[in-house]
Amino acid sequence: MKKLIIGLSVVVVAACATAPKPQPEPEKKDPAPAQPAKAAEPEKKADVKDDIEALINGFAIHFEFDKAELTPDSQKRLDVLAEKMRANPAVHIKVAGNADELGTEEYNLALGQKRADAVKTYLSRLGVDAKRVDTVSYGEEKPLDPNHTPEAWSKNRRGDIEKK
């Protein structure tokens, strides 16, 4: 039995010693030829337009309970939107202010308008012409989540941005 185990050990060690070592893959060179700067320019403008449309699609800014002040996270997101809007002056947007169902209808309409105006003012401070930003308030009329829970109310405290 000892001879069998020793014999198998020798075979295993010999097989491992003769196996080829894996070789690293050779570096791949980028086959793309260099393009002149002028040829890439029109493509860049199309990309900006596509970028802003993708950015605006489903863009919403959320607010804290009973507040119309932008959060730091919302400001960062609006910074990106402002940059894209400055790069594409033909884009106009509408900001729709919304509120949760807590409070009176009149109060929520006023709060929704304050939220929409806060977005417009912030974009204007970043160099976006205020004439390119329309605002409207829906108050509690258009909830994103119709449930009557704190999670739903949180989702409904928002400013929706859409392309005009």
N, C-alpha and C. Protein backbone atom coordinates (compact mmCIF):
# COMPACT_ATOMS: atom_id res chain seq x y z
N MET A 1 0.82 -1.18 0.00
CA MET A 1 0.00 0.00 0.00
C MET A 1 0.87 1.25 0.00
N LYS A 2 1.99 1.21 0.81
CA LYS A 2 2.89 2.36 0.85
C LYS A 2 3.47 2.63 -0.52
N LYS A 3 3.82 1.56 -1.25
CA LYS A 3 4.42 1.72 -2.58
C LYS A 3 3.40 2.38 -3.52
N LEU A 4 2.12 2.02 -3.39
CA LEU A 4 1.09 2.60 -4.24
C LEU A 4 0.92 4.09 -3.97
N ILE A 5 0.90 4.48 -2.71
CA ILE A 5 0.74 5.90 -2.35
C ILE A 5 1.95 6.69 -2.79
N ILE A 6 3.14 6.15 -2.58
CA ILE A 6 4.37 6.85 -3.00
C ILE A 6 4.40 6.96 -4.52
N GLY A 7 3.99 5.93 -5.21
CA GLY A 7 3.97 5.95 -6.67
C GLY A 7 3.01 7.00 -7.20
N LEU A 8 1.83 7.09 -6.60
CA LEU A 8 0.86 8.10 -7.02
C LEU A 8 1.38 9.51 -6.73
N SER A 9 2.04 9.70 -5.62
CA SER A 9 2.60 11.00 -5.28
C SER A 9 3.62 11.44 -6.30
N VAL A 10 4.45 10.53 -6.74
CA VAL A 10 5.48 10.84 -7.73
C VAL A 10 4.81 11.25 -9.04
N VAL A 11 3.77 10.53 -9.44
CA VAL A 11 3.06 10.84 -10.69
C VAL A 11 2.42 12.22 -10.61
N VAL A 12 1.77 12.53 -9.49
CA VAL A 12 1.10 13.84 -9.32
C VAL A 12 2.13 14.96 -9.36
N VAL A 13 3.24 14.80 -8.62
CA VAL A 13 4.28 15.82 -8.60
C VAL A 13 4.88 15.99 -9.98
N ALA A 14 5.10 14.93 -10.68
CA ALA A 14 5.68 15.00 -12.02
C ALA A 14 4.73 15.69 -12.98
N ALA A 15 3.43 15.40 -12.87
CA ALA A 15 2.44 16.03 -13.75
C ALA A 15 2.36 17.53 -13.49
N CYS A 16 2.43 17.93 -12.24
CA CYS A 16 2.37 19.35 -11.90
C CYS A 16 3.62 20.08 -12.38
N ALA A 17 4.75 19.43 -12.31
CA ALA A 17 6.01 20.07 -12.69
C ALA A 17 6.10 20.29 -14.18
N THR A 18 5.41 19.48 -14.98
CA THR A 18 5.53 19.60 -16.42
C THR A 18 4.41 20.43 -17.04
N ALA A 19 3.44 20.84 -16.28
CA ALA A 19 2.34 21.65 -16.83
C ALA A 19 2.87 23.03 -17.20
N PRO A 20 2.48 23.55 -18.37
CA PRO A 20 2.97 24.87 -18.78
C PRO A 20 2.37 25.97 -17.90
N LYS A 21 3.18 26.98 -17.67
CA LYS A 21 2.71 28.13 -16.88
C LYS A 21 1.80 28.98 -17.75
N PRO A 22 0.72 29.51 -17.17
CA PRO A 22 -0.14 30.39 -17.98
C PRO A 22 0.61 31.66 -18.35
N GLN A 23 0.43 32.09 -19.59
CA GLN A 23 1.09 33.28 -20.11
C GLN A 23 0.11 34.45 -20.09
N PRO A 24 0.59 35.64 -19.73
CA PRO A 24 -0.31 36.80 -19.78
C PRO A 24 -0.69 37.11 -21.23
N GLU A 25 -1.91 37.63 -21.39
CA GLU A 25 -2.35 37.98 -22.73
C GLU A 25 -1.55 39.16 -23.23
N PRO A 26 -1.22 39.16 -24.52
CA PRO A 26 -0.47 40.31 -25.06
C PRO A 26 -1.35 41.56 -24.99
N GLU A 27 -0.71 42.70 -24.81
CA GLU A 27 -1.45 43.95 -24.75
C GLU A 27 -2.09 44.22 -26.10
N LYS A 28 -3.35 44.66 -26.04
CA LYS A 28 -4.06 44.98 -27.27
C LYS A 28 -3.84 46.45 -27.59
N LYS A 29 -3.52 46.71 -28.83
CA LYS A 29 -3.34 48.09 -29.26
C LYS A 29 -4.66 48.59 -29.80
N ASP A 30 -4.95 49.87 -29.57
CA ASP A 30 -6.18 50.48 -30.05
C ASP A 30 -6.06 50.70 -31.55
N PRO A 31 -6.86 49.98 -32.36
CA PRO A 31 -6.73 50.11 -33.80
C PRO A 31 -7.41 51.35 -34.36
N ALA A 32 -8.10 52.14 -33.54
CA ALA A 32 -8.83 53.30 -34.04
C ALA A 32 -7.87 54.37 -34.53
N PRO A 33 -8.01 54.82 -35.78
CA PRO A 33 -7.14 55.88 -36.28
C PRO A 33 -7.52 57.21 -35.66
N ALA A 34 -6.57 58.09 -35.59
CA ALA A 34 -6.81 59.42 -35.03
C ALA A 34 -7.72 60.20 -35.96
N GLN A 35 -8.73 60.87 -35.39
CA GLN A 35 -9.68 61.68 -36.16
C GLN A 35 -9.31 63.14 -36.03
N PRO A 36 -9.44 63.90 -37.08
CA PRO A 36 -9.21 65.34 -36.94
C PRO A 36 -10.25 65.95 -36.01
N ALA A 37 -9.88 66.99 -35.29
CA ALA A 37 -10.76 67.60 -34.29
C ALA A 37 -12.05 68.14 -34.92
N LYS A 38 -11.99 68.68 -36.10
CA LYS A 38 -13.17 69.26 -36.75
C LYS A 38 -14.20 68.19 -37.09
N ALA A 39 -13.77 66.99 -37.44
CA ALA A 39 -14.71 65.92 -37.79
C ALA A 39 -15.51 65.47 -36.56
N ALA A 40 -14.90 65.53 -35.39
CA ALA A 40 -15.58 65.08 -34.17
C ALA A 40 -16.53 66.14 -33.61
N GLU A 41 -16.38 67.38 -34.00
CA GLU A 41 -17.18 68.48 -33.43
C GLU A 41 -18.68 68.31 -33.61
N PRO A 42 -19.22 68.04 -34.82
CA PRO A 42 -20.67 67.88 -34.94
C PRO A 42 -21.20 66.71 -34.11
N GLU A 43 -20.44 65.63 -34.03
CA GLU A 43 -20.85 64.49 -33.23
C GLU A 43 -20.99 64.88 -31.76
N LYS A 44 -20.09 65.72 -31.27
CA LYS A 44 -20.11 66.15 -29.88
C LYS A 44 -21.40 66.90 -29.57
N LYS A 45 -21.83 67.76 -30.46
CA LYS A 45 -23.07 68.51 -30.23
C LYS A 45 -24.27 67.57 -30.19
N ALA A 46 -24.29 66.56 -31.03
CA ALA A 46 -25.39 65.59 -31.01
C ALA A 46 -25.39 64.83 -29.69
N ASP A 47 -24.20 64.50 -29.20
CA ASP A 47 -24.11 63.78 -27.92
C ASP A 47 -24.67 64.63 -26.78
N VAL A 48 -24.38 65.92 -26.77
CA VAL A 48 -24.88 66.80 -25.72
C VAL A 48 -26.40 66.81 -25.73
N LYS A 49 -26.99 66.89 -26.93
CA LYS A 49 -28.45 66.89 -27.03
C LYS A 49 -29.02 65.58 -26.52
N ASP A 50 -28.41 64.46 -26.91
CA ASP A 50 -28.87 63.16 -26.44
C ASP A 50 -28.70 63.05 -24.93
N ASP A 51 -27.58 63.54 -24.42
CA ASP A 51 -27.31 63.49 -22.99
C ASP A 51 -28.38 64.24 -22.20
N ILE A 52 -28.72 65.44 -22.65
CA ILE A 52 -29.67 66.25 -21.89
C ILE A 52 -31.07 65.63 -21.95
N GLU A 53 -31.43 65.05 -23.08
CA GLU A 53 -32.75 64.42 -23.17
C GLU A 53 -32.82 63.21 -22.25
N ALA A 54 -31.75 62.43 -22.19
CA ALA A 54 -31.70 61.28 -21.28
C ALA A 54 -31.71 61.75 -19.83
N LEU A 55 -31.01 62.85 -19.56
CA LEU A 55 -30.95 63.37 -18.20
C LEU A 55 -32.32 63.86 -17.74
N ILE A 56 -33.03 64.58 -18.59
CA ILE A 56 -34.32 65.16 -18.22
C ILE A 56 -35.40 64.09 -18.08
N ASN A 57 -35.31 63.02 -18.85
CA ASN A 57 -36.33 61.97 -18.81
C ASN A 57 -36.42 61.37 -17.41
N GLY A 58 -37.51 61.65 -16.71
CA GLY A 58 -37.73 61.12 -15.36
C GLY A 58 -36.98 61.86 -14.27
N PHE A 59 -36.47 63.06 -14.56
CA PHE A 59 -35.69 63.84 -13.60
C PHE A 59 -36.61 64.43 -12.54
N ALA A 60 -36.32 64.14 -11.29
CA ALA A 60 -37.12 64.69 -10.18
C ALA A 60 -36.19 65.11 -9.06
N ILE A 61 -36.56 66.20 -8.41
CA ILE A 61 -35.84 66.71 -7.25
C ILE A 61 -36.75 66.50 -6.05
N HIS A 62 -36.22 65.87 -5.02
CA HIS A 62 -37.04 65.58 -3.83
C HIS A 62 -36.76 66.59 -2.72
N PHE A 63 -37.79 66.84 -1.92
CA PHE A 63 -37.74 67.82 -0.85
C PHE A 63 -38.09 67.18 0.48
N GLU A 64 -37.65 67.82 1.53
CA GLU A 64 -37.99 67.39 2.88
C GLU A 64 -39.42 67.82 3.20
N PHE A 65 -39.99 67.24 4.24
CA PHE A 65 -41.34 67.57 4.68
C PHE A 65 -41.47 69.06 4.96
N ASP A 66 -42.48 69.67 4.35
CA ASP A 66 -42.82 71.07 4.59
C ASP A 66 -41.69 72.05 4.24
N LYS A 67 -40.83 71.66 3.29
CA LYS A 67 -39.69 72.50 2.91
C LYS A 67 -39.68 72.73 1.40
N ALA A 68 -39.10 73.87 1.02
CA ALA A 68 -38.90 74.17 -0.39
C ALA A 68 -37.42 74.43 -0.68
N GLU A 69 -36.56 74.13 0.29
CA GLU A 69 -35.12 74.33 0.11
C GLU A 69 -34.52 73.10 -0.56
N LEU A 70 -33.58 73.34 -1.46
CA LEU A 70 -32.91 72.24 -2.14
C LEU A 70 -31.90 71.58 -1.22
N THR A 71 -31.87 70.26 -1.26
CA THR A 71 -30.89 69.52 -0.48
C THR A 71 -29.55 69.56 -1.22
N PRO A 72 -28.44 69.29 -0.53
CA PRO A 72 -27.14 69.24 -1.22
C PRO A 72 -27.13 68.24 -2.38
N ASP A 73 -27.78 67.10 -2.22
CA ASP A 73 -27.85 66.12 -3.30
C ASP A 73 -28.61 66.68 -4.50
N SER A 74 -29.71 67.37 -4.24
CA SER A 74 -30.49 67.98 -5.32
C SER A 74 -29.66 69.05 -6.04
N GLN A 75 -28.90 69.82 -5.29
CA GLN A 75 -28.06 70.85 -5.90
C GLN A 75 -27.03 70.22 -6.83
N LYS A 76 -26.44 69.12 -6.42
CA LYS A 76 -25.45 68.44 -7.28
C LYS A 76 -26.10 67.98 -8.58
N ARG A 77 -27.30 67.42 -8.48
CA ARG A 77 -28.01 66.96 -9.67
C ARG A 77 -28.39 68.13 -10.57
N LEU A 78 -28.79 69.23 -9.97
CA LEU A 78 -29.15 70.41 -10.77
C LEU A 78 -27.91 71.06 -11.38
N ASP A 79 -26.76 70.94 -10.74
CA ASP A 79 -25.50 71.44 -11.32
C ASP A 79 -25.26 70.77 -12.67
N VAL A 80 -25.48 69.46 -12.73
CA VAL A 80 -25.29 68.72 -13.98
C VAL A 80 -26.31 69.18 -15.03
N LEU A 81 -27.56 69.33 -14.62
CA LEU A 81 -28.59 69.79 -15.54
C LEU A 81 -28.26 71.18 -16.08
N ALA A 82 -27.82 72.08 -15.22
CA ALA A 82 -27.47 73.43 -15.65
C ALA A 82 -26.34 73.41 -16.66
N GLU A 83 -25.35 72.58 -16.42
CA GLU A 83 -24.22 72.47 -17.35
C GLU A 83 -24.71 72.02 -18.73
N LYS A 84 -25.58 71.03 -18.75
CA LYS A 84 -26.12 70.53 -20.03
C LYS A 84 -27.00 71.58 -20.70
N MET A 85 -27.77 72.32 -19.91
CA MET A 85 -28.63 73.34 -20.50
C MET A 85 -27.81 74.51 -21.06
N ARG A 86 -26.75 74.87 -20.38
CA ARG A 86 -25.88 75.94 -20.91
C ARG A 86 -25.23 75.50 -22.22
N ALA A 87 -24.92 74.23 -22.34
CA ALA A 87 -24.30 73.70 -23.56
C ALA A 87 -25.31 73.56 -24.69
N ASN A 88 -26.59 73.56 -24.38
CA ASN A 88 -27.63 73.41 -25.39
C ASN A 88 -28.73 74.44 -25.14
N PRO A 89 -28.51 75.69 -25.61
CA PRO A 89 -29.44 76.78 -25.30
C PRO A 89 -30.84 76.63 -25.89
N ALA A 90 -31.06 75.69 -26.77
CA ALA A 90 -32.40 75.50 -27.35
C ALA A 90 -33.33 74.73 -26.41
N VAL A 91 -32.80 74.12 -25.38
CA VAL A 91 -33.62 73.31 -24.48
C VAL A 91 -34.36 74.20 -23.48
N HIS A 92 -35.67 74.00 -23.40
CA HIS A 92 -36.53 74.66 -22.42
C HIS A 92 -37.16 73.56 -21.57
N ILE A 93 -37.38 73.85 -20.29
CA ILE A 93 -37.96 72.85 -19.40
C ILE A 93 -39.14 73.41 -18.63
N LYS A 94 -39.90 72.49 -18.06
CA LYS A 94 -40.98 72.85 -17.15
C LYS A 94 -40.70 72.13 -15.84
N VAL A 95 -40.81 72.85 -14.73
CA VAL A 95 -40.64 72.28 -13.41
C VAL A 95 -42.02 72.25 -12.75
N ALA A 96 -42.46 71.06 -12.39
CA ALA A 96 -43.77 70.89 -11.75
C ALA A 96 -43.56 70.59 -10.27
N GLY A 97 -43.99 71.51 -9.42
CA GLY A 97 -43.87 71.32 -7.98
C GLY A 97 -45.00 70.45 -7.45
N ASN A 98 -44.66 69.52 -6.58
CA ASN A 98 -45.64 68.59 -6.01
C ASN A 98 -45.47 68.54 -4.49
N ALA A 99 -46.53 68.10 -3.83
CA ALA A 99 -46.52 67.98 -2.37
C ALA A 99 -47.20 66.67 -1.99
N ASP A 100 -47.00 66.27 -0.75
CA ASP A 100 -47.72 65.09 -0.25
C ASP A 100 -49.15 65.51 0.10
N GLU A 101 -49.94 64.58 0.56
CA GLU A 101 -51.34 64.85 0.87
C GLU A 101 -51.57 65.49 2.23
N LEU A 102 -50.52 65.67 2.98
CA LEU A 102 -50.65 66.29 4.30
C LEU A 102 -50.81 67.79 4.11
N GLY A 103 -51.69 68.40 4.82
CA GLY A 103 -51.94 69.83 4.65
C GLY A 103 -53.15 70.07 3.77
N THR A 104 -53.57 71.33 3.73
CA THR A 104 -54.75 71.68 2.92
C THR A 104 -54.36 71.75 1.45
N GLU A 105 -55.36 71.70 0.61
CA GLU A 105 -55.13 71.78 -0.84
C GLU A 105 -54.44 73.10 -1.20
N GLU A 106 -54.90 74.20 -0.61
CA GLU A 106 -54.32 75.51 -0.89
C GLU A 106 -52.86 75.58 -0.44
N TYR A 107 -52.60 75.05 0.76
CA TYR A 107 -51.24 75.06 1.29
C TYR A 107 -50.31 74.25 0.39
N ASN A 108 -50.77 73.07 -0.05
CA ASN A 108 -49.94 72.21 -0.87
C ASN A 108 -49.69 72.80 -2.25
N LEU A 109 -50.67 73.52 -2.80
CA LEU A 109 -50.45 74.20 -4.08
C LEU A 109 -49.37 75.29 -3.92
N ALA A 110 -49.45 76.04 -2.83
CA ALA A 110 -48.45 77.09 -2.59
C ALA A 110 -47.06 76.47 -2.36
N LEU A 111 -46.99 75.38 -1.62
CA LEU A 111 -45.71 74.72 -1.36
C LEU A 111 -45.13 74.14 -2.65
N GLY A 112 -45.97 73.55 -3.48
CA GLY A 112 -45.51 73.03 -4.77
C GLY A 112 -44.92 74.13 -5.63
N GLN A 113 -45.55 75.31 -5.61
CA GLN A 113 -45.04 76.43 -6.40
C GLN A 113 -43.70 76.91 -5.85
N LYS A 114 -43.57 76.96 -4.53
CA LYS A 114 -42.28 77.35 -3.92
C LYS A 114 -41.18 76.37 -4.32
N ARG A 115 -41.50 75.11 -4.37
CA ARG A 115 -40.51 74.09 -4.76
C ARG A 115 -40.10 74.26 -6.22
N ALA A 116 -41.06 74.47 -7.10
CA ALA A 116 -40.74 74.68 -8.51
C ALA A 116 -39.91 75.95 -8.68
N ASP A 117 -40.28 77.00 -7.97
CA ASP A 117 -39.53 78.26 -8.05
C ASP A 117 -38.11 78.12 -7.50
N ALA A 118 -37.92 77.28 -6.48
CA ALA A 118 -36.58 77.06 -5.93
C ALA A 118 -35.67 76.43 -6.98
N VAL A 119 -36.20 75.50 -7.76
CA VAL A 119 -35.42 74.87 -8.83
C VAL A 119 -35.07 75.90 -9.90
N LYS A 120 -36.06 76.69 -10.31
CA LYS A 120 -35.84 77.71 -11.34
C LYS A 120 -34.80 78.72 -10.88
N THR A 121 -34.90 79.19 -9.66
CA THR A 121 -33.95 80.17 -9.12
C THR A 121 -32.55 79.59 -9.09
N TYR A 122 -32.42 78.36 -8.66
CA TYR A 122 -31.10 77.74 -8.58
C TYR A 122 -30.47 77.62 -9.97
N LEU A 123 -31.25 77.15 -10.95
CA LEU A 123 -30.73 77.04 -12.31
C LEU A 123 -30.34 78.39 -12.87
N SER A 124 -31.14 79.41 -12.56
CA SER A 124 -30.85 80.76 -13.01
C SER A 124 -29.53 81.26 -12.43
N ARG A 125 -29.28 80.97 -11.17
CA ARG A 125 -28.01 81.37 -10.54
C ARG A 125 -26.81 80.67 -11.18
N LEU A 126 -27.07 79.52 -11.81
CA LEU A 126 -25.99 78.79 -12.47
C LEU A 126 -25.85 79.16 -13.94
N GLY A 127 -26.55 80.20 -14.37
CA GLY A 127 -26.37 80.70 -15.73
C GLY A 127 -27.40 80.25 -16.75
N VAL A 128 -28.46 79.59 -16.32
CA VAL A 128 -29.54 79.20 -17.24
C VAL A 128 -30.54 80.35 -17.28
N ASP A 129 -30.84 80.84 -18.47
CA ASP A 129 -31.79 81.94 -18.62
C ASP A 129 -33.14 81.54 -18.04
N ALA A 130 -33.67 82.33 -17.12
CA ALA A 130 -34.93 82.02 -16.44
C ALA A 130 -36.09 81.88 -17.43
N LYS A 131 -35.98 82.50 -18.60
CA LYS A 131 -37.05 82.39 -19.60
C LYS A 131 -37.14 80.98 -20.17
N ARG A 132 -36.11 80.18 -19.95
CA ARG A 132 -36.11 78.80 -20.45
C ARG A 132 -36.71 77.81 -19.46
N VAL A 133 -37.13 78.31 -18.30
CA VAL A 133 -37.66 77.44 -17.24
C VAL A 133 -39.04 77.92 -16.84
N ASP A 134 -40.06 77.14 -17.17
CA ASP A 134 -41.43 77.43 -16.74
C ASP A 134 -41.72 76.63 -15.47
N THR A 135 -42.61 77.15 -14.64
CA THR A 135 -42.97 76.45 -13.41
C THR A 135 -44.48 76.33 -13.30
N VAL A 136 -44.90 75.28 -12.60
CA VAL A 136 -46.30 75.04 -12.32
C VAL A 136 -46.36 74.26 -11.01
N SER A 137 -47.47 74.38 -10.31
CA SER A 137 -47.65 73.59 -9.09
C SER A 137 -48.86 72.69 -9.25
N TYR A 138 -48.70 71.45 -8.88
CA TYR A 138 -49.82 70.51 -8.85
C TYR A 138 -50.22 70.18 -7.42
N GLY A 139 -49.49 70.73 -6.46
CA GLY A 139 -49.82 70.44 -5.07
C GLY A 139 -49.83 68.94 -4.82
N GLU A 140 -50.94 68.45 -4.31
CA GLU A 140 -51.08 67.02 -4.03
C GLU A 140 -51.84 66.28 -5.14
N GLU A 141 -52.15 66.98 -6.25
CA GLU A 141 -53.01 66.44 -7.30
C GLU A 141 -52.40 65.28 -8.09
N LYS A 142 -51.07 65.21 -8.20
CA LYS A 142 -50.45 64.18 -9.03
C LYS A 142 -49.43 63.38 -8.21
N PRO A 143 -49.91 62.56 -7.30
CA PRO A 143 -48.96 61.79 -6.48
C PRO A 143 -48.22 60.75 -7.32
N LEU A 144 -46.95 60.60 -7.04
CA LEU A 144 -46.17 59.54 -7.67
C LEU A 144 -46.55 58.19 -7.07
N ASP A 145 -46.80 58.20 -5.77
CA ASP A 145 -47.21 56.99 -5.04
C ASP A 145 -48.52 57.33 -4.31
N PRO A 146 -49.63 56.69 -4.67
CA PRO A 146 -50.92 57.03 -4.08
C PRO A 146 -51.18 56.45 -2.69
N ASN A 147 -50.25 55.69 -2.17
CA ASN A 147 -50.45 55.10 -0.84
C ASN A 147 -50.42 56.18 0.24
N HIS A 148 -50.96 55.84 1.38
CA HIS A 148 -51.04 56.78 2.49
C HIS A 148 -50.06 56.37 3.58
N THR A 149 -48.78 56.38 3.20
CA THR A 149 -47.71 55.96 4.11
C THR A 149 -46.60 57.01 4.11
N PRO A 150 -45.77 57.03 5.14
CA PRO A 150 -44.65 57.97 5.14
C PRO A 150 -43.72 57.80 3.92
N GLU A 151 -43.52 56.57 3.46
CA GLU A 151 -42.68 56.33 2.29
C GLU A 151 -43.29 56.96 1.04
N ALA A 152 -44.61 56.80 0.89
CA ALA A 152 -45.30 57.38 -0.26
C ALA A 152 -45.25 58.90 -0.19
N TRP A 153 -45.50 59.46 0.97
CA TRP A 153 -45.48 60.91 1.11
C TRP A 153 -44.11 61.46 0.75
N SER A 154 -43.06 60.76 1.14
CA SER A 154 -41.70 61.19 0.83
C SER A 154 -41.46 61.23 -0.68
N LYS A 155 -41.97 60.24 -1.39
CA LYS A 155 -41.82 60.20 -2.85
C LYS A 155 -42.59 61.33 -3.53
N ASN A 156 -43.69 61.76 -2.92
CA ASN A 156 -44.55 62.76 -3.53
C ASN A 156 -44.09 64.20 -3.30
N ARG A 157 -43.13 64.41 -2.42
CA ARG A 157 -42.57 65.75 -2.17
C ARG A 157 -41.44 65.99 -3.17
N ARG A 158 -41.82 66.51 -4.33
CA ARG A 158 -40.82 66.57 -5.40
C ARG A 158 -41.11 67.69 -6.38
N GLY A 159 -40.12 67.92 -7.22
CA GLY A 159 -40.25 68.80 -8.38
C GLY A 159 -39.90 67.97 -9.60
N ASP A 160 -40.87 67.74 -10.48
CA ASP A 160 -40.62 66.98 -11.72
C ASP A 160 -40.14 67.93 -12.80
N ILE A 161 -39.14 67.50 -13.54
CA ILE A 161 -38.59 68.32 -14.63
C ILE A 161 -38.82 67.58 -15.93
N GLU A 162 -39.38 68.30 -16.88
CA GLU A 162 -39.61 67.70 -18.21
C GLU A 162 -39.25 68.71 -19.28
N LYS A 163 -38.91 68.19 -20.43
CA LYS A 163 -38.57 69.04 -21.57
C LYS A 163 -39.85 69.61 -22.16
N LYS A 164 -39.80 70.89 -22.53
CA LYS A 164 -40.96 71.53 -23.15
C LYS A 164 -40.90 71.34 -24.64
